């Protein structure tokens, strides 16, 4: 029988017990540390599963983008087309906060009413 060391993702504590199941069948866990702000958690979260299934090249592009590399440098290091790297950077830019001083206009552009 395999033993898995389960730790709380918030406080990294080992004082964790099984705490029922989700409606989809996934196991829930309860952190019993009184100082932990997060009490109930799942062992495998969806973003970890998605990252594990992501192709290696895509993961490397994301890591370099998050560390501050630019498109040309990343494409050169990974020997990928710059257009492919640029597409990943554009997708990533949708999920990141804009730089300081830049505001995003999330509302749709307003149309002028036709006078008549």
PDB file of N, CA and C in Angstrom:
ATOM      1  N   UNK A   1       0.838  -1.174   0.000  1.00  0.00           N
ATOM      2  CA  UNK A   1       0.000   0.000   0.000  1.00  0.00           C
ATOM      3  C   UNK A   1       0.887   1.243   0.000  1.00  0.00           C
ATOM      4  N   UNK A   2       0.596   2.188  -0.862  1.00  0.00           N
ATOM      5  CA  UNK A   2       1.377   3.417  -0.968  1.00  0.00           C
ATOM      6  C   UNK A   2       0.891   4.437   0.048  1.00  0.00           C
ATOM      7  N   UNK A   3       1.832   5.176   0.613  1.00  0.00           N
ATOM      8  CA  UNK A   3       1.506   6.227   1.571  1.00  0.00           C
ATOM      9  C   UNK A   3       1.844   7.565   0.925  1.00  0.00           C
ATOM     10  N   UNK A   4       0.898   8.492   0.944  1.00  0.00           N
ATOM     11  CA  UNK A   4       1.092   9.811   0.357  1.00  0.00           C
ATOM     12  C   UNK A   4       1.182  10.827   1.492  1.00  0.00           C
ATOM     13  N   UNK A   5       2.239  11.618   1.487  1.00  0.00           N
ATOM     14  CA  UNK A   5       2.400  12.682   2.479  1.00  0.00           C
ATOM     15  C   UNK A   5       1.544  13.862   2.040  1.00  0.00           C
ATOM     16  N   UNK A   6       0.431  14.078   2.714  1.00  0.00           N
ATOM     17  CA  UNK A   6      -0.492  15.147   2.351  1.00  0.00           C
ATOM     18  C   UNK A   6      -0.232  16.342   3.250  1.00  0.00           C
ATOM     19  N   UNK A   7      -0.026  17.490   2.626  1.00  0.00           N
ATOM     20  CA  UNK A   7       0.216  18.727   3.349  1.00  0.00           C
ATOM     21  C   UNK A   7      -0.808  19.767   2.921  1.00  0.00           C
ATOM     22  N   UNK A   8      -1.112  20.655   3.843  1.00  0.00           N
ATOM     23  CA  UNK A   8      -2.038  21.745   3.534  1.00  0.00           C
ATOM     24  C   UNK A   8      -1.356  22.704   2.556  1.00  0.00           C
ATOM     25  N   UNK A   9      -2.011  23.087   1.465  1.00  0.00           N
ATOM     26  CA  UNK A   9      -1.384  24.002   0.512  1.00  0.00           C
ATOM     27  C   UNK A   9      -1.186  25.409   1.069  1.00  0.00           C
ATOM     28  N   UNK A  10      -1.910  25.783   2.109  1.00  0.00           N
ATOM     29  CA  UNK A  10      -1.810  27.135   2.668  1.00  0.00           C
ATOM     30  C   UNK A  10      -0.694  27.228   3.707  1.00  0.00           C
ATOM     31  N   UNK A  11      -0.726  26.349   4.723  1.00  0.00           N
ATOM     32  CA  UNK A  11       0.241  26.454   5.823  1.00  0.00           C
ATOM     33  C   UNK A  11       1.338  25.397   5.753  1.00  0.00           C
ATOM     34  N   UNK A  12       1.255  24.476   4.803  1.00  0.00           N
ATOM     35  CA  UNK A  12       2.225  23.401   4.604  1.00  0.00           C
ATOM     36  C   UNK A  12       2.287  22.458   5.813  1.00  0.00           C
ATOM     37  N   UNK A  13       1.212  22.423   6.599  1.00  0.00           N
ATOM     38  CA  UNK A  13       1.163  21.572   7.783  1.00  0.00           C
ATOM     39  C   UNK A  13       0.772  20.145   7.448  1.00  0.00           C
ATOM     40  N   UNK A  14       1.149  19.226   8.334  1.00  0.00           N
ATOM     41  CA  UNK A  14       0.839  17.815   8.131  1.00  0.00           C
ATOM     42  C   UNK A  14      -0.376  17.368   8.922  1.00  0.00           C
ATOM     43  N   UNK A  15      -0.973  18.229   9.686  1.00  0.00           N
ATOM     44  CA  UNK A  15      -2.117  17.881  10.512  1.00  0.00           C
ATOM     45  C   UNK A  15      -3.388  17.915   9.652  1.00  0.00           C
ATOM     46  N   UNK A  16      -3.491  16.934   8.745  1.00  0.00           N
ATOM     47  CA  UNK A  16      -4.552  16.887   7.733  1.00  0.00           C
ATOM     48  C   UNK A  16      -5.294  15.566   7.852  1.00  0.00           C
ATOM     49  N   UNK A  17      -6.618  15.609   7.749  1.00  0.00           N
ATOM     50  CA  UNK A  17      -7.441  14.397   7.761  1.00  0.00           C
ATOM     51  C   UNK A  17      -8.375  14.405   6.557  1.00  0.00           C
ATOM     52  N   UNK A  18      -8.827  13.212   6.177  1.00  0.00           N
ATOM     53  CA  UNK A  18      -9.806  13.124   5.098  1.00  0.00           C
ATOM     54  C   UNK A  18     -11.114  13.709   5.594  1.00  0.00           C
ATOM     55  N   UNK A  19     -11.848  14.396   4.677  1.00  0.00           N
ATOM     56  CA  UNK A  19     -13.042  15.132   5.077  1.00  0.00           C
ATOM     57  C   UNK A  19     -14.159  14.952   4.051  1.00  0.00           C
ATOM     58  N   UNK A  20     -14.443  13.716   3.692  1.00  0.00           N
ATOM     59  CA  UNK A  20     -15.538  13.451   2.760  1.00  0.00           C
ATOM     60  C   UNK A  20     -15.117  13.566   1.310  1.00  0.00           C
ATOM     61  N   UNK A  21     -16.114  13.571   0.441  1.00  0.00           N
ATOM     62  CA  UNK A  21     -15.847  13.642  -0.994  1.00  0.00           C
ATOM     63  C   UNK A  21     -16.699  14.710  -1.634  1.00  0.00           C
ATOM     64  N   UNK A  22     -16.200  15.233  -2.737  1.00  0.00           N
ATOM     65  CA  UNK A  22     -16.931  16.191  -3.563  1.00  0.00           C
ATOM     66  C   UNK A  22     -18.041  15.446  -4.309  1.00  0.00           C
ATOM     67  N   UNK A  23     -19.030  16.169  -4.840  1.00  0.00           N
ATOM     68  CA  UNK A  23     -20.061  15.494  -5.644  1.00  0.00           C
ATOM     69  C   UNK A  23     -19.495  14.757  -6.865  1.00  0.00           C
ATOM     70  N   UNK A  24     -18.340  15.225  -7.384  1.00  0.00           N
ATOM     71  CA  UNK A  24     -17.738  14.564  -8.542  1.00  0.00           C
ATOM     72  C   UNK A  24     -16.849  13.390  -8.137  1.00  0.00           C
ATOM     73  N   UNK A  25     -16.746  13.092  -6.816  1.00  0.00           N
ATOM     74  CA  UNK A  25     -16.003  11.933  -6.361  1.00  0.00           C
ATOM     75  C   UNK A  25     -14.597  12.213  -5.865  1.00  0.00           C
ATOM     76  N   UNK A  26     -14.107  13.444  -5.976  1.00  0.00           N
ATOM     77  CA  UNK A  26     -12.757  13.764  -5.514  1.00  0.00           C
ATOM     78  C   UNK A  26     -12.723  13.870  -3.993  1.00  0.00           C
ATOM     79  N   UNK A  27     -11.621  13.415  -3.422  1.00  0.00           N
ATOM     80  CA  UNK A  27     -11.442  13.410  -1.973  1.00  0.00           C
ATOM     81  C   UNK A  27     -11.190  14.829  -1.447  1.00  0.00           C
ATOM     82  N   UNK A  28     -11.890  15.193  -0.366  1.00  0.00           N
ATOM     83  CA  UNK A  28     -11.663  16.463   0.325  1.00  0.00           C
ATOM     84  C   UNK A  28     -10.792  16.203   1.543  1.00  0.00           C
ATOM     85  N   UNK A  29     -10.012  17.211   1.944  1.00  0.00           N
ATOM     86  CA  UNK A  29      -9.169  17.126   3.123  1.00  0.00           C
ATOM     87  C   UNK A  29      -9.412  18.334   4.006  1.00  0.00           C
ATOM     88  N   UNK A  30      -9.192  18.143   5.306  1.00  0.00           N
ATOM     89  CA  UNK A  30      -9.388  19.196   6.295  1.00  0.00           C
ATOM     90  C   UNK A  30      -8.075  19.433   7.018  1.00  0.00           C
ATOM     91  N   UNK A  31      -7.604  20.685   7.040  1.00  0.00           N
ATOM     92  CA  UNK A  31      -6.416  21.058   7.797  1.00  0.00           C
ATOM     93  C   UNK A  31      -6.875  21.360   9.221  1.00  0.00           C
ATOM     94  N   UNK A  32      -6.275  20.682  10.201  1.00  0.00           N
ATOM     95  CA  UNK A  32      -6.676  20.849  11.590  1.00  0.00           C
ATOM     96  C   UNK A  32      -5.776  21.812  12.360  1.00  0.00           C
ATOM     97  N   UNK A  33      -4.919  22.530  11.664  1.00  0.00           N
ATOM     98  CA  UNK A  33      -4.087  23.535  12.323  1.00  0.00           C
ATOM     99  C   UNK A  33      -4.967  24.738  12.651  1.00  0.00           C
ATOM    100  N   UNK A  34      -5.061  25.147  13.917  1.00  0.00           N
ATOM    101  CA  UNK A  34      -5.968  26.246  14.279  1.00  0.00           C
ATOM    102  C   UNK A  34      -5.549  27.599  13.699  1.00  0.00           C
ATOM    103  N   UNK A  35      -4.281  27.757  13.326  1.00  0.00           N
ATOM    104  CA  UNK A  35      -3.809  29.031  12.777  1.00  0.00           C
ATOM    105  C   UNK A  35      -3.909  29.106  11.255  1.00  0.00           C
ATOM    106  N   UNK A  36      -4.332  28.037  10.621  1.00  0.00           N
ATOM    107  CA  UNK A  36      -4.403  28.004   9.150  1.00  0.00           C
ATOM    108  C   UNK A  36      -5.662  28.718   8.668  1.00  0.00           C
ATOM    109  N   UNK A  37      -5.522  29.688   7.741  1.00  0.00           N
ATOM    110  CA  UNK A  37      -6.702  30.387   7.230  1.00  0.00           C
ATOM    111  C   UNK A  37      -7.546  29.544   6.281  1.00  0.00           C
ATOM    112  N   UNK A  38      -6.950  28.508   5.712  1.00  0.00           N
ATOM    113  CA  UNK A  38      -7.671  27.646   4.777  1.00  0.00           C
ATOM    114  C   UNK A  38      -7.941  26.330   5.469  1.00  0.00           C
ATOM    115  N   UNK A  39      -9.175  25.899   5.488  1.00  0.00           N
ATOM    116  CA  UNK A  39      -9.510  24.688   6.224  1.00  0.00           C
ATOM    117  C   UNK A  39      -9.689  23.476   5.311  1.00  0.00           C
ATOM    118  N   UNK A  40     -10.519  23.602   4.278  1.00  0.00           N
ATOM    119  CA  UNK A  40     -10.853  22.464   3.425  1.00  0.00           C
ATOM    120  C   UNK A  40     -10.175  22.655   2.073  1.00  0.00           C
ATOM    121  N   UNK A  41      -9.583  21.584   1.542  1.00  0.00           N
ATOM    122  CA  UNK A  41      -8.922  21.674   0.240  1.00  0.00           C
ATOM    123  C   UNK A  41      -8.988  20.323  -0.459  1.00  0.00           C
ATOM    124  N   UNK A  42      -8.705  20.340  -1.755  1.00  0.00           N
ATOM    125  CA  UNK A  42      -8.615  19.130  -2.568  1.00  0.00           C
ATOM    126  C   UNK A  42      -7.151  18.834  -2.832  1.00  0.00           C
ATOM    127  N   UNK A  43      -6.805  17.572  -3.008  1.00  0.00           N
ATOM    128  CA  UNK A  43      -5.412  17.194  -3.201  1.00  0.00           C
ATOM    129  C   UNK A  43      -4.882  17.648  -4.548  1.00  0.00           C
ATOM    130  N   UNK A  44      -5.595  17.375  -5.614  1.00  0.00           N
ATOM    131  CA  UNK A  44      -5.143  17.816  -6.933  1.00  0.00           C
ATOM    132  C   UNK A  44      -6.106  18.871  -7.455  1.00  0.00           C
ATOM    133  N   UNK A  45      -5.587  20.066  -7.635  1.00  0.00           N
ATOM    134  CA  UNK A  45      -6.411  21.160  -8.114  1.00  0.00           C
ATOM    135  C   UNK A  45      -6.392  21.190  -9.638  1.00  0.00           C
ATOM    136  N   UNK A  46      -7.406  21.787 -10.283  1.00  0.00           N
ATOM    137  CA  UNK A  46      -7.476  21.772 -11.747  1.00  0.00           C
ATOM    138  C   UNK A  46      -6.283  22.443 -12.426  1.00  0.00           C
ATOM    139  N   UNK A  47      -5.747  23.550 -11.852  1.00  0.00           N
ATOM    140  CA  UNK A  47      -4.632  24.210 -12.531  1.00  0.00           C
ATOM    141  C   UNK A  47      -3.373  23.359 -12.500  1.00  0.00           C
ATOM    142  N   UNK A  48      -3.163  22.543 -11.457  1.00  0.00           N
ATOM    143  CA  UNK A  48      -2.024  21.641 -11.432  1.00  0.00           C
ATOM    144  C   UNK A  48      -2.174  20.548 -12.478  1.00  0.00           C
ATOM    145  N   UNK A  49      -3.387  20.043 -12.646  1.00  0.00           N
ATOM    146  CA  UNK A  49      -3.646  19.019 -13.648  1.00  0.00           C
ATOM    147  C   UNK A  49      -3.434  19.585 -15.049  1.00  0.00           C
ATOM    148  N   UNK A  50      -3.882  20.807 -15.277  1.00  0.00           N
ATOM    149  CA  UNK A  50      -3.710  21.429 -16.588  1.00  0.00           C
ATOM    150  C   UNK A  50      -2.239  21.671 -16.881  1.00  0.00           C
ATOM    151  N   UNK A  51      -1.477  22.107 -15.881  1.00  0.00           N
ATOM    152  CA  UNK A  51      -0.056  22.358 -16.085  1.00  0.00           C
ATOM    153  C   UNK A  51       0.690  21.069 -16.384  1.00  0.00           C
ATOM    154  N   UNK A  52       0.295  19.968 -15.738  1.00  0.00           N
ATOM    155  CA  UNK A  52       0.956  18.691 -15.975  1.00  0.00           C
ATOM    156  C   UNK A  52       0.686  18.168 -17.377  1.00  0.00           C
ATOM    157  N   UNK A  53      -0.491  18.454 -17.929  1.00  0.00           N
ATOM    158  CA  UNK A  53      -0.820  17.963 -19.265  1.00  0.00           C
ATOM    159  C   UNK A  53      -0.348  18.904 -20.367  1.00  0.00           C
ATOM    160  N   UNK A  54       0.185  20.060 -20.015  1.00  0.00           N
ATOM    161  CA  UNK A  54       0.631  21.036 -21.000  1.00  0.00           C
ATOM    162  C   UNK A  54       1.929  20.548 -21.653  1.00  0.00           C
ATOM    163  N   UNK A  55       2.089  20.737 -22.958  1.00  0.00           N
ATOM    164  CA  UNK A  55       3.325  20.331 -23.616  1.00  0.00           C
ATOM    165  C   UNK A  55       4.533  21.059 -23.011  1.00  0.00           C
ATOM    166  N   UNK A  56       5.677  20.397 -23.078  1.00  0.00           N
ATOM    167  CA  UNK A  56       6.890  20.929 -22.458  1.00  0.00           C
ATOM    168  C   UNK A  56       7.273  22.285 -23.032  1.00  0.00           C
ATOM    169  N   UNK A  57       7.211  22.455 -24.348  1.00  0.00           N
ATOM    170  CA  UNK A  57       7.603  23.721 -24.964  1.00  0.00           C
ATOM    171  C   UNK A  57       6.702  24.859 -24.492  1.00  0.00           C
ATOM    172  N   UNK A  58       5.392  24.609 -24.396  1.00  0.00           N
ATOM    173  CA  UNK A  58       4.454  25.632 -23.942  1.00  0.00           C
ATOM    174  C   UNK A  58       4.755  26.016 -22.497  1.00  0.00           C
ATOM    175  N   UNK A  59       5.054  25.041 -21.672  1.00  0.00           N
ATOM    176  CA  UNK A  59       5.370  25.303 -20.267  1.00  0.00           C
ATOM    177  C   UNK A  59       6.647  26.148 -20.163  1.00  0.00           C
ATOM    178  N   UNK A  60       7.645  25.845 -20.995  1.00  0.00           N
ATOM    179  CA  UNK A  60       8.890  26.609 -20.972  1.00  0.00           C
ATOM    180  C   UNK A  60       8.661  28.048 -21.422  1.00  0.00           C
ATOM    181  N   UNK A  61       7.813  28.242 -22.419  1.00  0.00           N
ATOM    182  CA  UNK A  61       7.495  29.599 -22.872  1.00  0.00           C
ATOM    183  C   UNK A  61       6.810  30.372 -21.750  1.00  0.00           C
ATOM    184  N   UNK A  62       5.861  29.738 -21.074  1.00  0.00           N
ATOM    185  CA  UNK A  62       5.169  30.401 -19.967  1.00  0.00           C
ATOM    186  C   UNK A  62       6.121  30.757 -18.833  1.00  0.00           C
ATOM    187  N   UNK A  63       7.019  29.848 -18.488  1.00  0.00           N
ATOM    188  CA  UNK A  63       7.976  30.128 -17.420  1.00  0.00           C
ATOM    189  C   UNK A  63       8.860  31.317 -17.766  1.00  0.00           C
ATOM    190  N   UNK A  64       9.316  31.373 -19.006  1.00  0.00           N
ATOM    191  CA  UNK A  64      10.173  32.486 -19.416  1.00  0.00           C
ATOM    192  C   UNK A  64       9.394  33.795 -19.505  1.00  0.00           C
ATOM    193  N   UNK A  65       8.142  33.710 -19.933  1.00  0.00           N
ATOM    194  CA  UNK A  65       7.314  34.920 -20.003  1.00  0.00           C
ATOM    195  C   UNK A  65       7.079  35.483 -18.605  1.00  0.00           C
ATOM    196  N   UNK A  66       6.803  34.606 -17.649  1.00  0.00           N
ATOM    197  CA  UNK A  66       6.561  35.056 -16.286  1.00  0.00           C
ATOM    198  C   UNK A  66       7.826  35.566 -15.610  1.00  0.00           C
ATOM    199  N   UNK A  67       8.988  35.109 -16.062  1.00  0.00           N
ATOM    200  CA  UNK A  67      10.237  35.582 -15.466  1.00  0.00           C
ATOM    201  C   UNK A  67      10.721  36.882 -16.101  1.00  0.00           C
ATOM    202  N   UNK A  68      10.038  37.361 -17.142  1.00  0.00           N
ATOM    203  CA  UNK A  68      10.358  38.671 -17.700  1.00  0.00           C
ATOM    204  C   UNK A  68      11.107  38.657 -19.019  1.00  0.00           C
ATOM    205  N   UNK A  69      11.338  37.493 -19.618  1.00  0.00           N
ATOM    206  CA  UNK A  69      12.009  37.451 -20.910  1.00  0.00           C
ATOM    207  C   UNK A  69      11.108  38.033 -21.993  1.00  0.00           C
ATOM    208  N   UNK A  70      11.724  38.540 -23.046  1.00  0.00           N
ATOM    209  CA  UNK A  70      10.914  39.057 -24.149  1.00  0.00           C
ATOM    210  C   UNK A  70      10.720  37.965 -25.205  1.00  0.00           C
ATOM    211  N   UNK A  71       9.922  38.282 -26.219  1.00  0.00           N
ATOM    212  CA  UNK A  71       9.521  37.290 -27.223  1.00  0.00           C
ATOM    213  C   UNK A  71      10.717  36.779 -28.016  1.00  0.00           C
ATOM    214  N   UNK A  72      11.553  37.702 -28.515  1.00  0.00           N
ATOM    215  CA  UNK A  72      12.685  37.297 -29.357  1.00  0.00           C
ATOM    216  C   UNK A  72      13.671  36.430 -28.585  1.00  0.00           C
ATOM    217  N   UNK A  73      13.951  36.817 -27.342  1.00  0.00           N
ATOM    218  CA  UNK A  73      14.890  36.058 -26.523  1.00  0.00           C
ATOM    219  C   UNK A  73      14.352  34.650 -26.236  1.00  0.00           C
ATOM    220  N   UNK A  74      13.077  34.560 -25.922  1.00  0.00           N
ATOM    221  CA  UNK A  74      12.462  33.264 -25.640  1.00  0.00           C
ATOM    222  C   UNK A  74      12.460  32.385 -26.882  1.00  0.00           C
ATOM    223  N   UNK A  75      12.109  32.948 -28.032  1.00  0.00           N
ATOM    224  CA  UNK A  75      12.082  32.184 -29.280  1.00  0.00           C
ATOM    225  C   UNK A  75      13.474  31.676 -29.633  1.00  0.00           C
ATOM    226  N   UNK A  76      14.490  32.520 -29.434  1.00  0.00           N
ATOM    227  CA  UNK A  76      15.859  32.124 -29.735  1.00  0.00           C
ATOM    228  C   UNK A  76      16.317  30.998 -28.803  1.00  0.00           C
ATOM    229  N   UNK A  77      16.055  31.123 -27.504  1.00  0.00           N
ATOM    230  CA  UNK A  77      16.497  30.118 -26.537  1.00  0.00           C
ATOM    231  C   UNK A  77      15.824  28.765 -26.763  1.00  0.00           C
ATOM    232  N   UNK A  78      14.540  28.778 -27.079  1.00  0.00           N
ATOM    233  CA  UNK A  78      13.790  27.529 -27.239  1.00  0.00           C
ATOM    234  C   UNK A  78      13.761  27.021 -28.668  1.00  0.00           C
ATOM    235  N   UNK A  79      14.330  27.811 -29.581  1.00  0.00           N
ATOM    236  CA  UNK A  79      14.341  27.464 -31.003  1.00  0.00           C
ATOM    237  C   UNK A  79      12.924  27.234 -31.538  1.00  0.00           C
ATOM    238  N   UNK A  80      12.060  28.205 -31.231  1.00  0.00           N
ATOM    239  CA  UNK A  80      10.682  28.184 -31.703  1.00  0.00           C
ATOM    240  C   UNK A  80      10.439  29.401 -32.578  1.00  0.00           C
ATOM    241  N   UNK A  81       9.425  29.357 -33.446  1.00  0.00           N
ATOM    242  CA  UNK A  81       9.085  30.543 -34.232  1.00  0.00           C
ATOM    243  C   UNK A  81       8.611  31.669 -33.316  1.00  0.00           C
ATOM    244  N   UNK A  82       9.023  32.888 -33.638  1.00  0.00           N
ATOM    245  CA  UNK A  82       8.649  34.043 -32.818  1.00  0.00           C
ATOM    246  C   UNK A  82       7.136  34.253 -32.809  1.00  0.00           C
ATOM    247  N   UNK A  83       6.454  33.885 -33.896  1.00  0.00           N
ATOM    248  CA  UNK A  83       4.998  34.056 -33.930  1.00  0.00           C
ATOM    249  C   UNK A  83       4.308  33.141 -32.920  1.00  0.00           C
ATOM    250  N   UNK A  84       4.828  31.919 -32.771  1.00  0.00           N
ATOM    251  CA  UNK A  84       4.253  30.986 -31.798  1.00  0.00           C
ATOM    252  C   UNK A  84       4.438  31.514 -30.381  1.00  0.00           C
ATOM    253  N   UNK A  85       5.634  32.006 -30.083  1.00  0.00           N
ATOM    254  CA  UNK A  85       5.916  32.557 -28.761  1.00  0.00           C
ATOM    255  C   UNK A  85       5.060  33.795 -28.515  1.00  0.00           C
ATOM    256  N   UNK A  86       4.871  34.620 -29.536  1.00  0.00           N
ATOM    257  CA  UNK A  86       4.054  35.827 -29.393  1.00  0.00           C
ATOM    258  C   UNK A  86       2.609  35.481 -29.073  1.00  0.00           C
ATOM    259  N   UNK A  87       2.084  34.411 -29.656  1.00  0.00           N
ATOM    260  CA  UNK A  87       0.714  33.997 -29.359  1.00  0.00           C
ATOM    261  C   UNK A  87       0.562  33.598 -27.893  1.00  0.00           C
ATOM    262  N   UNK A  88       1.542  32.895 -27.367  1.00  0.00           N
ATOM    263  CA  UNK A  88       1.495  32.495 -25.956  1.00  0.00           C
ATOM    264  C   UNK A  88       1.559  33.739 -25.067  1.00  0.00           C
ATOM    265  N   UNK A  89       2.423  34.688 -25.415  1.00  0.00           N
ATOM    266  CA  UNK A  89       2.537  35.932 -24.650  1.00  0.00           C
ATOM    267  C   UNK A  89       1.224  36.708 -24.680  1.00  0.00           C
ATOM    268  N   UNK A  90       0.538  36.717 -25.831  1.00  0.00           N
ATOM    269  CA  UNK A  90      -0.732  37.436 -25.930  1.00  0.00           C
ATOM    270  C   UNK A  90      -1.807  36.788 -25.071  1.00  0.00           C
ATOM    271  N   UNK A  91      -1.854  35.470 -25.055  1.00  0.00           N
ATOM    272  CA  UNK A  91      -2.819  34.763 -24.214  1.00  0.00           C
ATOM    273  C   UNK A  91      -2.515  35.042 -22.748  1.00  0.00           C
ATOM    274  N   UNK A  92      -1.248  35.020 -22.391  1.00  0.00           N
ATOM    275  CA  UNK A  92      -0.855  35.271 -21.009  1.00  0.00           C
ATOM    276  C   UNK A  92      -1.185  36.701 -20.591  1.00  0.00           C
ATOM    277  N   UNK A  93      -1.077  37.638 -21.508  1.00  0.00           N
ATOM    278  CA  UNK A  93      -1.358  39.044 -21.192  1.00  0.00           C
ATOM    279  C   UNK A  93      -2.828  39.249 -20.833  1.00  0.00           C
ATOM    280  N   UNK A  94      -3.709  38.397 -21.321  1.00  0.00           N
ATOM    281  CA  UNK A  94      -5.130  38.522 -20.984  1.00  0.00           C
ATOM    282  C   UNK A  94      -5.398  38.213 -19.515  1.00  0.00           C
ATOM    283  N   UNK A  95      -4.541  37.388 -18.918  1.00  0.00           N
ATOM    284  CA  UNK A  95      -4.768  36.944 -17.548  1.00  0.00           C
ATOM    285  C   UNK A  95      -3.949  37.701 -16.522  1.00  0.00           C
ATOM    286  N   UNK A  96      -2.960  38.464 -16.944  1.00  0.00           N
ATOM    287  CA  UNK A  96      -2.122  39.217 -16.018  1.00  0.00           C
ATOM    288  C   UNK A  96      -2.651  40.617 -15.830  1.00  0.00           C
ATOM    289  N   UNK A  97      -2.328  41.204 -14.711  1.00  0.00           N
ATOM    290  CA  UNK A  97      -2.705  42.589 -14.443  1.00  0.00           C
ATOM    291  C   UNK A  97      -1.871  43.508 -15.332  1.00  0.00           C
ATOM    292  N   UNK A  98      -2.425  44.621 -15.764  1.00  0.00           N
ATOM    293  CA  UNK A  98      -1.653  45.548 -16.592  1.00  0.00           C
ATOM    294  C   UNK A  98      -0.568  46.215 -15.759  1.00  0.00           C
ATOM    295  N   UNK A  99       0.474  46.746 -16.408  1.00  0.00           N
ATOM    296  CA  UNK A  99       1.526  47.448 -15.679  1.00  0.00           C
ATOM    297  C   UNK A  99       0.967  48.644 -14.917  1.00  0.00           C
ATOM    298  N   UNK A 100       1.714  49.111 -13.942  1.00  0.00           N
ATOM    299  CA  UNK A 100       1.265  50.235 -13.116  1.00  0.00           C
ATOM    300  C   UNK A 100       1.001  51.459 -14.002  1.00  0.00           C
ATOM    301  N   UNK A 101      -0.078  52.134 -13.751  1.00  0.00           N
ATOM    302  CA  UNK A 101      -0.422  53.330 -14.505  1.00  0.00           C
ATOM    303  C   UNK A 101      -1.263  53.074 -15.737  1.00  0.00           C
ATOM    304  N   UNK A 102      -1.455  51.817 -16.108  1.00  0.00           N
ATOM    305  CA  UNK A 102      -2.243  51.479 -17.290  1.00  0.00           C
ATOM    306  C   UNK A 102      -3.573  50.926 -16.818  1.00  0.00           C
ATOM    307  N   UNK A 103      -4.660  51.443 -17.368  1.00  0.00           N
ATOM    308  CA  UNK A 103      -5.975  50.938 -17.009  1.00  0.00           C
ATOM    309  C   UNK A 103      -6.595  50.271 -18.222  1.00  0.00           C
ATOM    310  N   UNK A 104      -7.302  49.201 -17.972  1.00  0.00           N
ATOM    311  CA  UNK A 104      -7.995  48.502 -19.051  1.00  0.00           C
ATOM    312  C   UNK A 104      -9.431  48.983 -19.109  1.00  0.00           C
ATOM    313  N   UNK A 105      -9.927  49.203 -20.300  1.00  0.00           N
ATOM    314  CA  UNK A 105     -11.308  49.571 -20.492  1.00  0.00           C
ATOM    315  C   UNK A 105     -12.065  48.298 -20.842  1.00  0.00           C
ATOM    316  N   UNK A 106     -12.768  47.745 -19.865  1.00  0.00           N
ATOM    317  CA  UNK A 106     -13.445  46.466 -20.069  1.00  0.00           C
ATOM    318  C   UNK A 106     -14.817  46.599 -20.693  1.00  0.00           C
ATOM    319  N   UNK A 107     -15.350  47.802 -20.741  1.00  0.00           N
ATOM    320  CA  UNK A 107     -16.671  47.973 -21.331  1.00  0.00           C
ATOM    321  C   UNK A 107     -16.555  48.023 -22.848  1.00  0.00           C
ATOM    322  N   UNK A 108     -17.607  47.638 -23.504  1.00  0.00           N
ATOM    323  CA  UNK A 108     -17.630  47.653 -24.955  1.00  0.00           C
ATOM    324  C   UNK A 108     -17.661  49.088 -25.459  1.00  0.00           C
ATOM    325  N   UNK A 109     -17.055  49.351 -26.596  1.00  0.00           N
ATOM    326  CA  UNK A 109     -17.089  50.718 -27.112  1.00  0.00           C
ATOM    327  C   UNK A 109     -18.513  51.151 -27.418  1.00  0.00           C
ATOM    328  N   UNK A 110     -18.814  52.376 -27.091  1.00  0.00           N
ATOM    329  CA  UNK A 110     -20.163  52.890 -27.317  1.00  0.00           C
ATOM    330  C   UNK A 110     -20.300  53.415 -28.740  1.00  0.00           C
ATOM    331  N   UNK A 111     -21.456  53.136 -29.296  1.00  0.00           N
ATOM    332  CA  UNK A 111     -21.728  53.623 -30.653  1.00  0.00           C
ATOM    333  C   UNK A 111     -22.448  54.953 -30.561  1.00  0.00           C
ATOM    334  N   UNK A 112     -22.142  55.795 -31.508  1.00  0.00           N
ATOM    335  CA  UNK A 112     -22.832  57.088 -31.567  1.00  0.00           C
ATOM    336  C   UNK A 112     -24.208  56.864 -32.151  1.00  0.00           C
ATOM    337  N   UNK A 113     -25.167  57.556 -31.568  1.00  0.00           N
ATOM    338  CA  UNK A 113     -26.516  57.457 -32.110  1.00  0.00           C
ATOM    339  C   UNK A 113     -26.625  58.301 -33.368  1.00  0.00           C
ATOM    340  N   UNK A 114     -27.312  57.753 -34.309  1.00  0.00           N
ATOM    341  CA  UNK A 114     -27.519  58.486 -35.556  1.00  0.00           C
ATOM    342  C   UNK A 114     -28.572  59.561 -35.315  1.00  0.00           C
ATOM    343  N   UNK A 115     -28.217  60.778 -35.670  1.00  0.00           N
ATOM    344  CA  UNK A 115     -29.200  61.859 -35.497  1.00  0.00           C
ATOM    345  C   UNK A 115     -30.114  61.877 -36.698  1.00  0.00           C
ATOM    346  N   UNK A 116     -31.332  62.080 -36.423  1.00  0.00           N
ATOM    347  CA  UNK A 116     -32.173  62.072 -37.600  1.00  0.00           C
ATOM    348  C   UNK A 116     -33.523  62.434 -37.404  1.00  0.00           C
TER     349      UNK A 116
END
